[in-house]
Amino acid sequence: MPPSLHPSKARYASLLKRFIASTKDFDVLATIPSGPPVPPPPPTTLYVLDASFNPPTLAHLRIASTALQKTTSARLLLLLATQNADKPSKPASFEDRLAMMELFAHDLRSHLAANPGPATAGLSALAQHARLPVIDIGVTKNPYFVDKAASIDASDAYSAPSPLEQVHLTGYDTLIRIFNPKYYPPGHTLQPLAPLFARHRLRVTMRPDDDWGGVEEQRGFVDGLARGEREGEGGKREWAQRIQLVEGKAAGELPVSSTKAREAVQAGRDQDLEWLVPEQTRRFVLDEQPYS
């Protein structure tokens, strides 16, 4: 990959070590681009893509790009939890993942430049480039969703002149976890979600399959919330208005996931990475071999 795009794993290892030793629950470790020649318009919305990025995939790119193509006033936070409630930290190290997140940010900006959305239709190429989103690489010690959102709110990174509205880009499986009362001790009700939905929103990519049901079943989950079916657990009907469901992969498209990317590398099927992982990220996986 070009030297200018080769992220320093040692730098990320140092930044991560300092963050873990600090009292902070959340921090931004890097921003892409690091020094834009023209300041972007002040953002009104912070999109948050919270994932394990193990590695970042074309599914992550689709989730982020389809949201960002509809706006010119948003910033994107790629968020990595150093303590995950459900997943172990292996096989790739955190510094490898942070390096891949930086490359993914470049991949995403390149994709948006080549595929401008309706929000920038009609603008010159120079004007479109000036409106490419700023992308932050962030880390959090919080394993649970509502605590991550609260720590972002409490930080100085997005609080001036007033806290940005967060739109969390999630998959349907994450939506189900968010609404699982087991994650909210000691009462094990959904009441801890109230501050989240009072200020922020979810943009949920549906994933119809044998595990999660079809599109109608997934829409029915949000419809049931709107009908009051979760009120006995502390869920509010009005929260449904803060959840947007969007289509995922088209019919007939192969499913893309970090698991499939790792399996392809470990099985020696490097050619499969072309439809699983974006270009700069793919080069890192092949050159640095974080899954060997």
C-alpha atoms as a PDB file:
ATOM      1  CA  MET A   1       0.000   0.000   0.000  1.00  0.00           C
ATOM      2  CA  PRO A   2       1.239   3.584  -0.492  1.00  0.00           C
ATOM      3  CA  PRO A   3       3.584   4.647   2.339  1.00  0.00           C
ATOM      4  CA  SER A   4       1.366   7.675   3.032  1.00  0.00           C
ATOM      5  CA  LEU A   5      -1.502   5.326   3.866  1.00  0.00           C
ATOM      6  CA  HIS A   6       0.494   2.860   5.936  1.00  0.00           C
ATOM      7  CA  PRO A   7      -0.707   3.298   9.522  1.00  0.00           C
ATOM      8  CA  SER A   8       1.688   2.850  12.404  1.00  0.00           C
ATOM      9  CA  LYS A   9       0.741  -0.078  14.600  1.00  0.00           C
ATOM     10  CA  ALA A  10       3.371   1.042  17.116  1.00  0.00           C
ATOM     11  CA  ARG A  11       1.727   4.466  17.352  1.00  0.00           C
ATOM     12  CA  TYR A  12      -1.668   2.882  17.972  1.00  0.00           C
ATOM     13  CA  ALA A  13      -0.182   0.495  20.530  1.00  0.00           C
ATOM     14  CA  SER A  14       1.253   3.493  22.411  1.00  0.00           C
ATOM     15  CA  LEU A  15      -1.982   5.487  22.208  1.00  0.00           C
ATOM     16  CA  LEU A  16      -3.996   2.478  23.343  1.00  0.00           C
ATOM     17  CA  LYS A  17      -1.680   1.814  26.285  1.00  0.00           C
ATOM     18  CA  ARG A  18      -2.032   5.425  27.392  1.00  0.00           C
ATOM     19  CA  PHE A  19      -5.818   5.290  27.057  1.00  0.00           C
ATOM     20  CA  ILE A  20      -6.132   2.065  29.061  1.00  0.00           C
ATOM     21  CA  ALA A  21      -3.998   3.559  31.849  1.00  0.00           C
ATOM     22  CA  SER A  22      -6.123   6.728  31.937  1.00  0.00           C
ATOM     23  CA  THR A  23      -9.393   7.356  33.745  1.00  0.00           C
ATOM     24  CA  LYS A  24     -11.174   8.065  30.456  1.00  0.00           C
ATOM     25  CA  ASP A  25     -13.999   5.807  29.287  1.00  0.00           C
ATOM     26  CA  PHE A  26     -13.791   7.115  25.709  1.00  0.00           C
ATOM     27  CA  ASP A  27     -11.187   8.827  23.542  1.00  0.00           C
ATOM     28  CA  VAL A  28     -10.531   9.722  19.913  1.00  0.00           C
ATOM     29  CA  LEU A  29      -7.129   8.395  18.846  1.00  0.00           C
ATOM     30  CA  ALA A  30      -6.995   9.672  15.254  1.00  0.00           C
ATOM     31  CA  THR A  31      -8.940  11.708  12.718  1.00  0.00           C
ATOM     32  CA  ILE A  32      -9.077  11.210   8.945  1.00  0.00           C
ATOM     33  CA  PRO A  33      -8.052  13.407   7.248  1.00  0.00           C
ATOM     34  CA  SER A  34      -5.634  14.629   9.893  1.00  0.00           C
ATOM     35  CA  GLY A  35      -5.433  18.169   8.518  1.00  0.00           C
ATOM     36  CA  PRO A  36      -8.058  19.032   5.901  1.00  0.00           C
ATOM     37  CA  PRO A  37      -7.039  21.977   3.721  1.00  0.00           C
ATOM     38  CA  VAL A  38     -10.590  23.310   3.816  1.00  0.00           C
ATOM     39  CA  PRO A  39     -12.503  23.072   7.112  1.00  0.00           C
ATOM     40  CA  PRO A  40     -15.672  20.977   6.597  1.00  0.00           C
ATOM     41  CA  PRO A  41     -19.087  22.390   7.488  1.00  0.00           C
ATOM     42  CA  PRO A  42     -19.853  22.044  11.207  1.00  0.00           C
ATOM     43  CA  PRO A  43     -21.565  18.668  11.692  1.00  0.00           C
ATOM     44  CA  THR A  44     -25.066  18.426  13.099  1.00  0.00           C
ATOM     45  CA  THR A  45     -25.046  14.656  13.477  1.00  0.00           C
ATOM     46  CA  LEU A  46     -22.511  12.113  14.692  1.00  0.00           C
ATOM     47  CA  TYR A  47     -22.864   8.723  13.045  1.00  0.00           C
ATOM     48  CA  VAL A  48     -21.350   5.996  15.219  1.00  0.00           C
ATOM     49  CA  LEU A  49     -20.256   2.671  13.749  1.00  0.00           C
ATOM     50  CA  ASP A  50     -19.414   0.490  16.744  1.00  0.00           C
ATOM     51  CA  ALA A  51     -17.918  -2.853  15.733  1.00  0.00           C
ATOM     52  CA  SER A  52     -15.090  -5.269  16.411  1.00  0.00           C
ATOM     53  CA  PHE A  53     -13.500  -4.413  13.000  1.00  0.00           C
ATOM     54  CA  ASN A  54     -11.886  -7.838  12.937  1.00  0.00           C
ATOM     55  CA  PRO A  55     -11.391  -7.000  10.047  1.00  0.00           C
ATOM     56  CA  PRO A  56     -13.485  -4.126   8.637  1.00  0.00           C
ATOM     57  CA  THR A  57     -15.511  -5.434   5.700  1.00  0.00           C
ATOM     58  CA  LEU A  58     -17.518  -4.283   2.721  1.00  0.00           C
ATOM     59  CA  ALA A  59     -20.602  -4.802   4.890  1.00  0.00           C
ATOM     60  CA  HIS A  60     -19.290  -2.137   7.263  1.00  0.00           C
ATOM     61  CA  LEU A  61     -18.600   0.076   4.245  1.00  0.00           C
ATOM     62  CA  ARG A  62     -22.144  -0.355   2.963  1.00  0.00           C
ATOM     63  CA  ILE A  63     -23.699   0.415   6.346  1.00  0.00           C
ATOM     64  CA  ALA A  64     -21.675   3.618   6.699  1.00  0.00           C
ATOM     65  CA  SER A  65     -21.781   4.837   3.107  1.00  0.00           C
ATOM     66  CA  THR A  66     -25.535   4.455   2.632  1.00  0.00           C
ATOM     67  CA  ALA A  67     -26.066   6.690   5.660  1.00  0.00           C
ATOM     68  CA  LEU A  68     -23.405   9.267   4.776  1.00  0.00           C
ATOM     69  CA  GLN A  69     -24.522   9.587   1.146  1.00  0.00           C
ATOM     70  CA  LYS A  70     -27.733  11.187   2.381  1.00  0.00           C
ATOM     71  CA  THR A  71     -26.132  14.086   4.256  1.00  0.00           C
ATOM     72  CA  THR A  72     -23.393  16.699   4.063  1.00  0.00           C
ATOM     73  CA  SER A  73     -23.445  17.680   7.731  1.00  0.00           C
ATOM     74  CA  ALA A  74     -22.398  14.512   9.535  1.00  0.00           C
ATOM     75  CA  ARG A  75     -19.229  13.234  11.138  1.00  0.00           C
ATOM     76  CA  LEU A  76     -18.449   9.533  11.511  1.00  0.00           C
ATOM     77  CA  LEU A  77     -16.979   7.821  14.562  1.00  0.00           C
ATOM     78  CA  LEU A  78     -15.525   4.334  14.106  1.00  0.00           C
ATOM     79  CA  LEU A  79     -15.655   2.936  17.627  1.00  0.00           C
ATOM     80  CA  LEU A  80     -13.742  -0.027  19.046  1.00  0.00           C
ATOM     81  CA  ALA A  81     -14.502  -1.383  22.520  1.00  0.00           C
ATOM     82  CA  THR A  82     -11.459  -2.608  24.412  1.00  0.00           C
ATOM     83  CA  GLN A  83     -13.828  -4.669  26.575  1.00  0.00           C
ATOM     84  CA  ASN A  84     -16.565  -6.379  24.604  1.00  0.00           C
ATOM     85  CA  ALA A  85     -19.520  -7.903  26.396  1.00  0.00           C
ATOM     86  CA  ASP A  86     -19.869 -10.863  24.023  1.00  0.00           C
ATOM     87  CA  LYS A  87     -16.696 -11.283  21.947  1.00  0.00           C
ATOM     88  CA  PRO A  88     -13.079 -12.124  22.842  1.00  0.00           C
ATOM     89  CA  SER A  89     -10.292  -9.764  21.763  1.00  0.00           C
ATOM     90  CA  LYS A  90      -8.617 -12.252  19.433  1.00  0.00           C
ATOM     91  CA  PRO A  91      -7.459 -13.120  16.824  1.00  0.00           C
ATOM     92  CA  ALA A  92      -6.254  -9.699  15.602  1.00  0.00           C
ATOM     93  CA  SER A  93      -4.636  -7.429  18.189  1.00  0.00           C
ATOM     94  CA  PHE A  94      -6.279  -4.124  19.025  1.00  0.00           C
ATOM     95  CA  GLU A  95      -3.439  -2.169  17.380  1.00  0.00           C
ATOM     96  CA  ASP A  96      -3.931  -4.207  14.184  1.00  0.00           C
ATOM     97  CA  ARG A  97      -7.634  -3.428  14.257  1.00  0.00           C
ATOM     98  CA  LEU A  98      -7.055   0.274  14.863  1.00  0.00           C
ATOM     99  CA  ALA A  99      -4.647   0.357  11.919  1.00  0.00           C
ATOM    100  CA  MET A 100      -7.259  -1.382   9.770  1.00  0.00           C
ATOM    101  CA  MET A 101      -9.904   1.102  10.952  1.00  0.00           C
ATOM    102  CA  GLU A 102      -7.684   3.953   9.720  1.00  0.00           C
ATOM    103  CA  LEU A 103      -7.325   2.288   6.331  1.00  0.00           C
ATOM    104  CA  PHE A 104     -11.053   1.593   6.276  1.00  0.00           C
ATOM    105  CA  ALA A 105     -11.652   5.330   6.798  1.00  0.00           C
ATOM    106  CA  HIS A 106      -9.600   6.018   3.654  1.00  0.00           C
ATOM    107  CA  ASP A 107     -11.468   3.250   1.798  1.00  0.00           C
ATOM    108  CA  LEU A 108     -14.787   4.761   2.841  1.00  0.00           C
ATOM    109  CA  ARG A 109     -13.866   8.309   1.809  1.00  0.00           C
ATOM    110  CA  SER A 110     -12.631   7.002  -1.559  1.00  0.00           C
ATOM    111  CA  HIS A 111     -15.900   5.123  -2.022  1.00  0.00           C
ATOM    112  CA  LEU A 112     -17.950   8.217  -1.188  1.00  0.00           C
ATOM    113  CA  ALA A 113     -15.873  10.327  -3.578  1.00  0.00           C
ATOM    114  CA  ALA A 114     -16.502   7.827  -6.385  1.00  0.00           C
ATOM    115  CA  ASN A 115     -20.166   7.323  -5.478  1.00  0.00           C
ATOM    116  CA  PRO A 116     -21.617  10.688  -4.408  1.00  0.00           C
ATOM    117  CA  GLY A 117     -25.080  10.487  -2.943  1.00  0.00           C
ATOM    118  CA  PRO A 118     -28.189  12.599  -3.446  1.00  0.00           C
ATOM    119  CA  ALA A 119     -27.018  15.123  -0.849  1.00  0.00           C
ATOM    120  CA  THR A 120     -24.182  16.296  -3.118  1.00  0.00           C
ATOM    121  CA  ALA A 121     -25.812  15.705  -6.515  1.00  0.00           C
ATOM    122  CA  GLY A 122     -25.133  18.582  -8.872  1.00  0.00           C
ATOM    123  CA  LEU A 123     -22.062  19.855  -7.020  1.00  0.00           C
ATOM    124  CA  SER A 124     -18.675  20.075  -8.699  1.00  0.00           C
ATOM    125  CA  ALA A 125     -16.116  17.368  -7.975  1.00  0.00           C
ATOM    126  CA  LEU A 126     -14.137  19.845  -5.865  1.00  0.00           C
ATOM    127  CA  ALA A 127     -17.218  20.793  -3.840  1.00  0.00           C
ATOM    128  CA  GLN A 128     -18.137  17.138  -3.370  1.00  0.00           C
ATOM    129  CA  HIS A 129     -14.634  16.368  -2.087  1.00  0.00           C
ATOM    130  CA  ALA A 130     -14.821  19.257   0.367  1.00  0.00           C
ATOM    131  CA  ARG A 131     -17.979  17.698   1.799  1.00  0.00           C
ATOM    132  CA  LEU A 132     -16.512  14.251   2.397  1.00  0.00           C
ATOM    133  CA  PRO A 133     -17.075  13.403   6.055  1.00  0.00           C
ATOM    134  CA  VAL A 134     -14.400  13.680   8.704  1.00  0.00           C
ATOM    135  CA  ILE A 135     -13.900  10.231  10.252  1.00  0.00           C
ATOM    136  CA  ASP A 136     -12.664   9.646  13.797  1.00  0.00           C
ATOM    137  CA  ILE A 137     -11.024   6.497  15.174  1.00  0.00           C
ATOM    138  CA  GLY A 138     -12.229   6.076  18.760  1.00  0.00           C
ATOM    139  CA  VAL A 139     -11.941   3.610  21.622  1.00  0.00           C
ATOM    140  CA  THR A 140     -14.068   2.958  24.673  1.00  0.00           C
ATOM    141  CA  LYS A 141     -13.719   0.861  27.813  1.00  0.00           C
ATOM    142  CA  ASN A 142     -17.480   0.427  28.083  1.00  0.00           C
ATOM    143  CA  PRO A 143     -18.773  -2.945  26.889  1.00  0.00           C
ATOM    144  CA  TYR A 144     -22.450  -1.982  26.909  1.00  0.00           C
ATOM    145  CA  PHE A 145     -24.225   0.078  24.294  1.00  0.00           C
ATOM    146  CA  VAL A 146     -25.967   2.649  26.489  1.00  0.00           C
ATOM    147  CA  ASP A 147     -22.758   3.323  28.429  1.00  0.00           C
ATOM    148  CA  LYS A 148     -20.837   3.873  25.181  1.00  0.00           C
ATOM    149  CA  ALA A 149     -23.362   6.486  24.048  1.00  0.00           C
ATOM    150  CA  ALA A 150     -23.231   8.210  27.440  1.00  0.00           C
ATOM    151  CA  SER A 151     -19.411   8.337  27.448  1.00  0.00           C
ATOM    152  CA  ILE A 152     -19.418   9.912  23.972  1.00  0.00           C
ATOM    153  CA  ASP A 153     -21.929  12.480  25.234  1.00  0.00           C
ATOM    154  CA  ALA A 154     -19.762  13.256  28.252  1.00  0.00           C
ATOM    155  CA  SER A 155     -16.561  13.740  26.254  1.00  0.00           C
ATOM    156  CA  ASP A 156     -15.264  17.042  24.936  1.00  0.00           C
ATOM    157  CA  ALA A 157     -14.876  15.690  21.409  1.00  0.00           C
ATOM    158  CA  TYR A 158     -18.418  16.412  20.216  1.00  0.00           C
ATOM    159  CA  SER A 159     -19.858  18.778  22.819  1.00  0.00           C
ATOM    160  CA  ALA A 160     -19.241  22.214  21.262  1.00  0.00           C
ATOM    161  CA  PRO A 161     -21.242  24.303  20.774  1.00  0.00           C
ATOM    162  CA  SER A 162     -23.772  21.682  21.923  1.00  0.00           C
ATOM    163  CA  PRO A 163     -23.680  17.860  22.062  1.00  0.00           C
ATOM    164  CA  LEU A 164     -24.252  16.275  18.670  1.00  0.00           C
ATOM    165  CA  GLU A 165     -27.153  13.933  18.096  1.00  0.00           C
ATOM    166  CA  GLN A 166     -25.762  10.422  17.781  1.00  0.00           C
ATOM    167  CA  VAL A 167     -27.080   8.048  15.127  1.00  0.00           C
ATOM    168  CA  HIS A 168     -25.783   4.571  15.842  1.00  0.00           C
ATOM    169  CA  LEU A 169     -25.317   2.422  12.740  1.00  0.00           C
ATOM    170  CA  THR A 170     -26.103  -1.122  13.791  1.00  0.00           C
ATOM    171  CA  GLY A 171     -27.192  -4.460  12.439  1.00  0.00           C
ATOM    172  CA  TYR A 172     -30.444  -6.126  13.409  1.00  0.00           C
ATOM    173  CA  ASP A 173     -28.577  -8.536  15.698  1.00  0.00           C
ATOM    174  CA  THR A 174     -27.280  -5.559  17.692  1.00  0.00           C
ATOM    175  CA  LEU A 175     -30.807  -4.143  17.963  1.00  0.00           C
ATOM    176  CA  ILE A 176     -31.916  -7.405  19.576  1.00  0.00           C
ATOM    177  CA  ARG A 177     -29.037  -7.213  22.070  1.00  0.00           C
ATOM    178  CA  ILE A 178     -29.850  -3.583  22.898  1.00  0.00           C
ATOM    179  CA  PHE A 179     -33.376  -4.630  23.835  1.00  0.00           C
ATOM    180  CA  ASN A 180     -32.300  -7.639  25.903  1.00  0.00           C
ATOM    181  CA  PRO A 181     -32.967  -6.818  29.598  1.00  0.00           C
ATOM    182  CA  LYS A 182     -30.137  -9.113  30.742  1.00  0.00           C
ATOM    183  CA  TYR A 183     -27.648  -6.353  29.914  1.00  0.00           C
ATOM    184  CA  TYR A 184     -29.216  -3.917  32.410  1.00  0.00           C
ATOM    185  CA  PRO A 185     -28.656  -5.110  35.981  1.00  0.00           C
ATOM    186  CA  PRO A 186     -29.712  -4.962  38.697  1.00  0.00           C
ATOM    187  CA  GLY A 187     -33.316  -4.321  37.659  1.00  0.00           C
ATOM    188  CA  HIS A 188     -33.028  -6.093  34.287  1.00  0.00           C
ATOM    189  CA  THR A 189     -35.529  -3.747  32.663  1.00  0.00           C
ATOM    190  CA  LEU A 190     -35.249  -1.545  29.587  1.00  0.00           C
ATOM    191  CA  GLN A 191     -35.476   1.692  31.574  1.00  0.00           C
ATOM    192  CA  PRO A 192     -31.721   2.447  31.187  1.00  0.00           C
ATOM    193  CA  LEU A 193     -32.441   2.994  27.465  1.00  0.00           C
ATOM    194  CA  ALA A 194     -34.539   6.096  28.207  1.00  0.00           C
ATOM    195  CA  PRO A 195     -31.642   8.629  28.086  1.00  0.00           C
ATOM    196  CA  LEU A 196     -30.412   7.103  24.815  1.00  0.00           C
ATOM    197  CA  PHE A 197     -33.722   7.461  22.993  1.00  0.00           C
ATOM    198  CA  ALA A 198     -34.401  10.865  24.502  1.00  0.00           C
ATOM    199  CA  ARG A 199     -31.451  12.265  22.507  1.00  0.00           C
ATOM    200  CA  HIS A 200     -30.197   9.768  19.962  1.00  0.00           C
ATOM    201  CA  ARG A 201     -31.344   7.413  17.221  1.00  0.00           C
ATOM    202  CA  LEU A 202     -30.581   4.007  15.713  1.00  0.00           C
ATOM    203  CA  ARG A 203     -30.187   3.260  12.005  1.00  0.00           C
ATOM    204  CA  VAL A 204     -30.553  -0.515  11.798  1.00  0.00           C
ATOM    205  CA  THR A 205     -29.558  -2.570   8.766  1.00  0.00           C
ATOM    206  CA  MET A 206     -31.816  -5.588   8.485  1.00  0.00           C
ATOM    207  CA  ARG A 207     -30.261  -9.010   7.991  1.00  0.00           C
ATOM    208  CA  PRO A 208     -32.973 -11.486   6.990  1.00  0.00           C
ATOM    209  CA  ASP A 209     -31.733 -15.050   7.423  1.00  0.00           C
ATOM    210  CA  ASP A 210     -32.498 -18.268   9.251  1.00  0.00           C
ATOM    211  CA  ASP A 211     -31.132 -16.900  12.528  1.00  0.00           C
ATOM    212  CA  TRP A 212     -32.937 -13.549  12.586  1.00  0.00           C
ATOM    213  CA  GLY A 213     -36.057 -14.153  10.505  1.00  0.00           C
ATOM    214  CA  GLY A 214     -37.338 -12.418   7.384  1.00  0.00           C
ATOM    215  CA  VAL A 215     -37.834  -8.725   6.662  1.00  0.00           C
ATOM    216  CA  GLU A 216     -41.422  -8.725   7.898  1.00  0.00           C
ATOM    217  CA  GLU A 217     -40.434 -10.394  11.154  1.00  0.00           C
ATOM    218  CA  GLN A 218     -37.690  -7.839  11.712  1.00  0.00           C
ATOM    219  CA  ARG A 219     -40.025  -4.931  10.955  1.00  0.00           C
ATOM    220  CA  GLY A 220     -42.463  -6.572  13.328  1.00  0.00           C
ATOM    221  CA  PHE A 221     -39.979  -6.206  16.190  1.00  0.00           C
ATOM    222  CA  VAL A 222     -40.097  -2.404  15.921  1.00  0.00           C
ATOM    223  CA  ASP A 223     -43.845  -2.416  15.221  1.00  0.00           C
ATOM    224  CA  GLY A 224     -44.355  -4.415  18.420  1.00  0.00           C
ATOM    225  CA  LEU A 225     -42.375  -1.833  20.365  1.00  0.00           C
ATOM    226  CA  ALA A 226     -44.634   0.889  18.908  1.00  0.00           C
ATOM    227  CA  ARG A 227     -47.725  -1.066  19.996  1.00  0.00           C
ATOM    228  CA  GLY A 228     -46.473  -1.177  23.574  1.00  0.00           C
ATOM    229  CA  GLU A 229     -45.483  -4.832  23.660  1.00  0.00           C
ATOM    230  CA  ARG A 230     -42.317  -4.037  25.671  1.00  0.00           C
ATOM    231  CA  GLU A 231     -43.966  -1.735  28.212  1.00  0.00           C
ATOM    232  CA  GLY A 232     -43.977  -4.499  30.812  1.00  0.00           C
ATOM    233  CA  GLU A 233     -40.163  -4.491  30.616  1.00  0.00           C
ATOM    234  CA  GLY A 234     -39.885  -0.695  30.744  1.00  0.00           C
ATOM    235  CA  GLY A 235     -39.807  -0.118  26.970  1.00  0.00           C
ATOM    236  CA  LYS A 236     -41.589   2.972  25.646  1.00  0.00           C
ATOM    237  CA  ARG A 237     -43.783   3.085  22.534  1.00  0.00           C
ATOM    238  CA  GLU A 238     -42.258   6.369  21.361  1.00  0.00           C
ATOM    239  CA  TRP A 239     -38.807   4.781  21.103  1.00  0.00           C
ATOM    240  CA  ALA A 240     -39.916   3.101  17.892  1.00  0.00           C
ATOM    241  CA  GLN A 241     -39.909   6.512  16.213  1.00  0.00           C
ATOM    242  CA  ARG A 242     -36.190   6.768  16.954  1.00  0.00           C
ATOM    243  CA  ILE A 243     -35.360   3.514  15.141  1.00  0.00           C
ATOM    244  CA  GLN A 244     -34.952   3.478  11.354  1.00  0.00           C
ATOM    245  CA  LEU A 245     -34.818   0.105   9.611  1.00  0.00           C
ATOM    246  CA  VAL A 246     -32.976  -0.009   6.282  1.00  0.00           C
ATOM    247  CA  GLU A 247     -32.453  -2.736   3.712  1.00  0.00           C
ATOM    248  CA  GLY A 248     -29.250  -4.752   3.876  1.00  0.00           C
ATOM    249  CA  LYS A 249     -27.748  -6.847   1.102  1.00  0.00           C
ATOM    250  CA  ALA A 250     -29.754  -7.315  -2.066  1.00  0.00           C
ATOM    251  CA  ALA A 251     -31.382 -10.638  -2.865  1.00  0.00           C
ATOM    252  CA  GLY A 252     -28.839 -13.075  -4.231  1.00  0.00           C
ATOM    253  CA  GLU A 253     -25.805 -11.268  -2.839  1.00  0.00           C
ATOM    254  CA  LEU A 254     -23.390 -13.366  -0.843  1.00  0.00           C
ATOM    255  CA  PRO A 255     -23.355 -12.620   2.893  1.00  0.00           C
ATOM    256  CA  VAL A 256     -20.342 -10.588   4.021  1.00  0.00           C
ATOM    257  CA  SER A 257     -18.910 -10.699   7.532  1.00  0.00           C
ATOM    258  CA  SER A 258     -15.639 -10.404   9.428  1.00  0.00           C
ATOM    259  CA  THR A 259     -15.901 -14.107  10.272  1.00  0.00           C
ATOM    260  CA  LYS A 260     -16.022 -15.019   6.566  1.00  0.00           C
ATOM    261  CA  ALA A 261     -13.016 -12.770   5.878  1.00  0.00           C
ATOM    262  CA  ARG A 262     -10.963 -14.448   8.601  1.00  0.00           C
ATOM    263  CA  GLU A 263     -11.990 -17.882   7.383  1.00  0.00           C
ATOM    264  CA  ALA A 264     -10.953 -16.986   3.830  1.00  0.00           C
ATOM    265  CA  VAL A 265      -7.468 -15.913   5.005  1.00  0.00           C
ATOM    266  CA  GLN A 266      -6.985 -18.956   7.194  1.00  0.00           C
ATOM    267  CA  ALA A 267      -8.069 -21.267   4.354  1.00  0.00           C
ATOM    268  CA  GLY A 268      -5.727 -19.588   1.868  1.00  0.00           C
ATOM    269  CA  ARG A 269      -8.588 -18.218  -0.242  1.00  0.00           C
ATOM    270  CA  ASP A 270      -7.078 -14.758  -0.607  1.00  0.00           C
ATOM    271  CA  GLN A 271      -9.106 -14.113  -3.760  1.00  0.00           C
ATOM    272  CA  ASP A 272     -12.298 -14.160  -1.679  1.00  0.00           C
ATOM    273  CA  LEU A 273     -11.142 -11.046   0.147  1.00  0.00           C
ATOM    274  CA  GLU A 274     -11.958  -9.027  -2.985  1.00  0.00           C
ATOM    275  CA  TRP A 275     -15.687  -9.325  -2.252  1.00  0.00           C
ATOM    276  CA  LEU A 276     -15.303  -9.286   1.522  1.00  0.00           C
ATOM    277  CA  VAL A 277     -12.848  -6.503   2.438  1.00  0.00           C
ATOM    278  CA  PRO A 278     -12.197  -2.984   1.028  1.00  0.00           C
ATOM    279  CA  GLU A 279      -8.999  -2.378  -0.952  1.00  0.00           C
ATOM    280  CA  GLN A 280      -6.603  -0.703   1.503  1.00  0.00           C
ATOM    281  CA  THR A 281      -7.812  -2.886   4.353  1.00  0.00           C
ATOM    282  CA  ARG A 282      -7.355  -5.979   2.172  1.00  0.00           C
ATOM    283  CA  ARG A 283      -3.728  -5.036   1.433  1.00  0.00           C
ATOM    284  CA  PHE A 284      -3.052  -4.704   5.149  1.00  0.00           C
ATOM    285  CA  VAL A 285      -4.555  -8.133   5.850  1.00  0.00           C
ATOM    286  CA  LEU A 286      -2.394  -9.717   3.150  1.00  0.00           C
ATOM    287  CA  ASP A 287       0.804  -7.797   3.988  1.00  0.00           C
ATOM    288  CA  GLU A 288       0.680  -7.805   7.799  1.00  0.00           C
ATOM    289  CA  GLN A 289      -1.080 -11.181   8.182  1.00  0.00           C
ATOM    290  CA  PRO A 290      -2.885 -10.422  11.464  1.00  0.00           C
ATOM    291  CA  TYR A 291      -4.798 -13.713  11.137  1.00  0.00           C
ATOM    292  CA  SER A 292      -1.869 -16.043  10.527  1.00  0.00           C
END
